[in-house]
């Protein structure tokens, strides 16, 4: 094969690849129909924070801790713990931020700033902060998604919102309340998301005092994923984190984002 033909084939292949890469994603309605057909007649048997497929720990023996901060976007949860955010940036502490669609709408400028900061990994916390169920299961008085289609909406609508603003599609999804059934976890995987759990309860839904948050974080072991919140400045979460971080550093811990290590 001469050079001219080889060059022409290269151009054709490159052009074809570009067209393929530029192909629009399936519509939300198409994804709902595909998933509804796939899971038709399938009944979930599990419900909780640690059903199969939920990633709860970093795969490492390194002395690292992943701080994950939820921004839930409920009527009373659209706030911002500015002191905590400023502390993380000042001290160069990486974190994974699970952001709900309603919180983005309430804090658009701040969301853009956080998404542009390489310290932070932006993750998906759903469009309406619903527990992830295909049968309407509820927890803590919060109604879950009612069916397969609502699971798709909850995940995909927020994923596309995040990508449209930040330019990066999230890889991680934590449901509202961090509760799932196993079918919802499989749906999230099919939509390109790992379902995210945790090993270390850091603030009990932003209800703990600063002393309780600090005490919880100081129990960390290598590879832990800590669940905390960044949307309640009135809570003890921020103060507790700021008190625990220096002590954890003294103990040799480093702080990482969830995507910095494989997950199990």
Protein backbone atom coordinates (compact mmCIF):
# COMPACT_ATOMS: atom_id res chain seq x y z
CA UNK A 1 0.00 0.00 0.00
CA UNK A 2 1.54 3.32 -1.05
CA UNK A 3 1.83 6.35 1.16
CA UNK A 4 -0.96 8.27 -0.54
CA UNK A 5 -3.48 5.49 0.04
CA UNK A 6 -2.31 5.06 3.62
CA UNK A 7 -2.70 8.78 4.25
CA UNK A 8 -6.19 8.78 2.72
CA UNK A 9 -7.28 5.87 4.90
CA UNK A 10 -5.96 7.66 7.95
CA UNK A 11 -8.03 10.74 7.09
CA UNK A 12 -11.16 8.63 6.56
CA UNK A 13 -10.70 6.76 9.85
CA UNK A 14 -10.01 10.00 11.71
CA UNK A 15 -13.11 11.63 10.23
CA UNK A 16 -15.22 8.61 11.12
CA UNK A 17 -13.92 8.65 14.67
CA UNK A 18 -14.72 12.35 14.99
CA UNK A 19 -18.28 11.80 13.77
CA UNK A 20 -18.72 8.92 16.22
CA UNK A 21 -17.30 10.98 19.10
CA UNK A 22 -19.62 13.85 18.23
CA UNK A 23 -22.74 11.65 18.15
CA UNK A 24 -25.31 12.99 20.59
CA UNK A 25 -26.13 10.86 23.62
CA UNK A 26 -29.45 9.01 23.71
CA UNK A 27 -32.37 11.12 24.83
CA UNK A 28 -33.58 10.80 28.39
CA UNK A 29 -36.79 9.25 27.10
CA UNK A 30 -34.83 6.64 25.16
CA UNK A 31 -32.78 5.76 28.23
CA UNK A 32 -35.96 5.42 30.28
CA UNK A 33 -37.54 3.13 27.69
CA UNK A 34 -34.39 0.99 27.39
CA UNK A 35 -34.01 0.57 31.13
CA UNK A 36 -37.72 0.00 31.72
CA UNK A 37 -37.65 -2.81 29.15
CA UNK A 38 -34.49 -4.30 30.60
CA UNK A 39 -35.80 -4.45 34.16
CA UNK A 40 -39.45 -5.20 33.39
CA UNK A 41 -40.78 -7.73 35.87
CA UNK A 42 -37.63 -7.62 38.03
CA UNK A 43 -38.32 -7.11 41.73
CA UNK A 44 -35.56 -5.81 44.01
CA UNK A 45 -34.82 -7.86 47.12
CA UNK A 46 -32.43 -5.54 48.92
CA UNK A 47 -32.63 -2.03 50.33
CA UNK A 48 -29.96 -0.15 52.22
CA UNK A 49 -26.64 1.67 52.18
CA UNK A 50 -24.49 -1.35 51.33
CA UNK A 51 -26.33 -3.37 48.70
CA UNK A 52 -24.21 -5.15 46.06
CA UNK A 53 -22.39 -2.75 43.77
CA UNK A 54 -22.21 0.19 46.16
CA UNK A 55 -18.60 1.40 46.48
CA UNK A 56 -17.75 2.05 50.11
CA UNK A 57 -13.95 2.00 50.41
CA UNK A 58 -10.76 2.91 48.58
CA UNK A 59 -8.71 -0.08 47.44
CA UNK A 60 -5.42 0.78 49.14
CA UNK A 61 -3.33 0.31 52.23
CA UNK A 62 -2.09 3.89 51.93
CA UNK A 63 -2.89 6.11 54.87
CA UNK A 64 -5.48 8.14 53.00
CA UNK A 65 -8.99 9.37 53.73
CA UNK A 66 -11.57 10.53 51.18
CA UNK A 67 -13.68 13.40 52.46
CA UNK A 68 -17.01 13.45 50.61
CA UNK A 69 -19.29 16.43 51.09
CA UNK A 70 -22.95 16.31 50.11
CA UNK A 71 -24.93 19.38 49.03
CA UNK A 72 -28.49 18.11 49.20
CA UNK A 73 -30.55 21.04 47.95
CA UNK A 74 -33.61 20.49 50.12
CA UNK A 75 -35.73 23.46 51.21
CA UNK A 76 -33.45 23.93 54.24
CA UNK A 77 -30.36 22.48 52.59
CA UNK A 78 -29.43 25.01 49.92
CA UNK A 79 -26.90 26.80 52.11
CA UNK A 80 -23.12 26.90 51.87
CA UNK A 81 -20.60 26.37 54.65
CA UNK A 82 -18.32 29.07 53.27
CA UNK A 83 -15.80 28.78 56.10
CA UNK A 84 -15.40 25.07 55.40
CA UNK A 85 -14.97 25.60 51.66
CA UNK A 86 -12.42 28.36 52.27
CA UNK A 87 -10.54 26.13 54.71
CA UNK A 88 -10.30 23.27 52.22
CA UNK A 89 -9.00 25.59 49.52
CA UNK A 90 -6.55 27.35 51.83
CA UNK A 91 -5.18 24.10 53.23
CA UNK A 92 -5.26 22.38 49.81
CA UNK A 93 -7.48 19.54 51.05
CA UNK A 94 -8.98 17.53 48.15
CA UNK A 95 -12.58 16.39 48.46
CA UNK A 96 -15.36 14.79 46.43
CA UNK A 97 -18.46 17.00 46.29
CA UNK A 98 -21.81 15.26 45.74
CA UNK A 99 -24.00 18.03 44.35
CA UNK A 100 -27.78 17.97 43.97
CA UNK A 101 -29.47 19.76 41.08
CA UNK A 102 -31.48 22.08 43.30
CA UNK A 103 -28.32 23.18 45.13
CA UNK A 104 -26.72 24.02 41.78
CA UNK A 105 -29.74 26.16 40.88
CA UNK A 106 -29.48 28.00 44.21
CA UNK A 107 -25.69 28.51 43.98
CA UNK A 108 -24.78 28.72 40.29
CA UNK A 109 -21.73 30.98 40.59
CA UNK A 110 -20.23 29.01 43.46
CA UNK A 111 -20.85 25.73 41.66
CA UNK A 112 -18.86 26.96 38.66
CA UNK A 113 -16.00 27.98 40.95
CA UNK A 114 -15.95 24.62 42.72
CA UNK A 115 -16.16 22.69 39.46
CA UNK A 116 -13.20 24.66 38.09
CA UNK A 117 -11.01 23.98 41.14
CA UNK A 118 -8.83 20.86 40.62
CA UNK A 119 -8.91 20.16 44.36
CA UNK A 120 -12.50 19.06 44.02
CA UNK A 121 -14.18 16.23 42.17
CA UNK A 122 -17.79 16.97 41.30
CA UNK A 123 -20.10 13.99 41.75
CA UNK A 124 -23.81 13.42 41.19
CA UNK A 125 -26.27 13.67 44.11
CA UNK A 126 -29.40 13.41 42.00
CA UNK A 127 -31.73 16.01 40.55
CA UNK A 128 -34.22 15.90 43.46
CA UNK A 129 -32.25 14.11 46.23
CA UNK A 130 -34.38 10.97 46.24
CA UNK A 131 -33.44 7.57 47.64
CA UNK A 132 -32.74 5.24 44.70
CA UNK A 133 -35.60 2.75 44.43
CA UNK A 134 -37.50 1.17 41.55
CA UNK A 135 -40.54 0.58 43.74
CA UNK A 136 -41.03 3.80 45.69
CA UNK A 137 -39.26 2.75 48.87
CA UNK A 138 -38.79 5.53 51.42
CA UNK A 139 -36.29 6.16 54.20
CA UNK A 140 -36.13 8.85 56.91
CA UNK A 141 -39.49 10.11 55.67
CA UNK A 142 -38.06 10.86 52.20
CA UNK A 143 -39.91 9.21 49.32
CA UNK A 144 -37.71 7.35 46.89
CA UNK A 145 -37.92 7.18 43.12
CA UNK A 146 -41.08 5.30 42.18
CA UNK A 147 -39.89 3.25 39.21
CA UNK A 148 -37.09 2.64 36.73
CA UNK A 149 -37.92 5.77 34.77
CA UNK A 150 -37.64 7.98 37.84
CA UNK A 151 -34.26 6.44 38.70
CA UNK A 152 -33.05 7.37 35.23
CA UNK A 153 -34.40 10.91 35.62
CA UNK A 154 -32.83 11.30 39.06
CA UNK A 155 -29.37 10.31 37.83
CA UNK A 156 -29.24 11.38 34.21
CA UNK A 157 -30.90 14.79 34.47
CA UNK A 158 -28.39 15.89 37.08
CA UNK A 159 -25.46 14.30 35.26
CA UNK A 160 -26.31 16.32 32.17
CA UNK A 161 -26.82 19.49 34.22
CA UNK A 162 -23.38 19.07 35.80
CA UNK A 163 -21.73 18.32 32.44
CA UNK A 164 -23.41 21.25 30.71
CA UNK A 165 -22.00 23.67 33.29
CA UNK A 166 -18.63 22.10 34.09
CA UNK A 167 -17.78 20.32 30.86
CA UNK A 168 -17.17 17.08 32.77
CA UNK A 169 -19.67 14.26 33.20
CA UNK A 170 -19.65 12.87 36.76
CA UNK A 171 -18.53 9.28 37.32
CA UNK A 172 -19.92 8.86 40.83
CA UNK A 173 -23.52 8.94 42.06
CA UNK A 174 -24.75 9.00 45.64
CA UNK A 175 -28.50 8.82 46.05
CA UNK A 176 -30.39 11.05 48.42
CA UNK A 177 -29.89 9.47 51.89
CA UNK A 178 -27.33 7.04 50.34
CA UNK A 179 -30.02 4.33 50.21
CA UNK A 180 -30.40 2.07 47.16
CA UNK A 181 -32.01 -1.10 45.99
CA UNK A 182 -29.81 -3.35 43.89
CA UNK A 183 -31.71 -2.63 40.66
CA UNK A 184 -31.16 1.11 41.05
CA UNK A 185 -27.45 0.42 41.52
CA UNK A 186 -27.40 -1.55 38.27
CA UNK A 187 -29.20 1.28 36.50
CA UNK A 188 -26.64 3.78 37.78
CA UNK A 189 -23.85 1.57 36.44
CA UNK A 190 -25.55 1.37 33.08
CA UNK A 191 -25.64 5.17 33.02
CA UNK A 192 -21.89 5.30 33.57
CA UNK A 193 -21.93 5.96 37.31
CA UNK A 194 -20.51 4.06 40.26
CA UNK A 195 -22.93 4.08 43.20
CA UNK A 196 -21.09 5.70 46.09
CA UNK A 197 -21.46 4.74 49.72
CA UNK A 198 -19.23 5.33 52.71
CA UNK A 199 -17.43 3.60 55.56
CA UNK A 200 -17.26 6.48 58.01
CA UNK A 201 -20.39 8.39 59.08
CA UNK A 202 -19.02 11.87 59.63
CA UNK A 203 -21.91 14.08 60.71
CA UNK A 204 -25.18 12.07 60.72
CA UNK A 205 -26.92 14.25 58.17
CA UNK A 206 -25.34 17.45 59.51
CA UNK A 207 -26.93 16.89 62.93
CA UNK A 208 -23.81 16.26 65.01
CA UNK A 209 -21.87 18.77 67.05
CA UNK A 210 -18.35 19.81 66.08
CA UNK A 211 -16.96 17.56 68.83
CA UNK A 212 -18.90 14.56 67.49
CA UNK A 213 -17.72 15.22 63.92
CA UNK A 214 -14.11 15.55 65.04
CA UNK A 215 -14.38 12.36 67.09
CA UNK A 216 -15.84 10.44 64.16
CA UNK A 217 -13.11 11.57 61.76
CA UNK A 218 -10.35 10.70 64.21
CA UNK A 219 -11.52 7.08 64.06
CA UNK A 220 -10.54 6.92 60.37
CA UNK A 221 -8.52 4.00 59.06
CA UNK A 222 -6.68 3.86 55.71
CA UNK A 223 -9.02 3.80 52.74
CA UNK A 224 -12.07 5.16 54.53
CA UNK A 225 -14.69 7.23 52.73
CA UNK A 226 -16.24 9.81 55.08
CA UNK A 227 -19.79 11.06 54.52
CA UNK A 228 -20.26 14.71 55.50
CA UNK A 229 -22.18 17.79 54.36
CA UNK A 230 -21.22 21.21 53.01
CA UNK A 231 -24.68 22.79 52.82
CA UNK A 232 -25.42 23.44 56.49
CA UNK A 233 -23.29 26.31 57.80
CA UNK A 234 -25.28 26.27 61.03
CA UNK A 235 -24.19 22.69 61.80
CA UNK A 236 -21.08 21.46 63.55
CA UNK A 237 -19.71 19.79 60.42
CA UNK A 238 -17.33 22.49 59.25
CA UNK A 239 -15.86 23.23 62.64
CA UNK A 240 -15.45 19.52 63.30
CA UNK A 241 -13.62 18.95 60.02
CA UNK A 242 -11.37 21.93 60.59
CA UNK A 243 -10.49 20.61 64.04
CA UNK A 244 -9.85 17.05 62.85
CA UNK A 245 -7.75 17.72 59.75
CA UNK A 246 -4.59 18.96 61.56
CA UNK A 247 -4.67 15.97 63.92
CA UNK A 248 -5.17 13.53 61.06
CA UNK A 249 -2.22 15.09 59.25
CA UNK A 250 -0.08 14.62 62.35
CA UNK A 251 -1.07 10.95 62.29
CA UNK A 252 0.21 10.68 58.73
CA UNK A 253 -3.07 10.80 56.82
CA UNK A 254 -3.40 12.33 53.38
CA UNK A 255 -6.69 13.49 51.90
CA UNK A 256 -7.79 12.31 48.45
CA UNK A 257 -10.75 12.35 46.10
CA UNK A 258 -12.69 9.13 45.60
CA UNK A 259 -11.53 8.84 42.00
CA UNK A 260 -7.87 8.96 43.03
CA UNK A 261 -8.00 5.24 43.95
CA UNK A 262 -9.91 2.17 42.77
CA UNK A 263 -13.09 1.55 44.75
CA UNK A 264 -14.56 -1.51 46.38
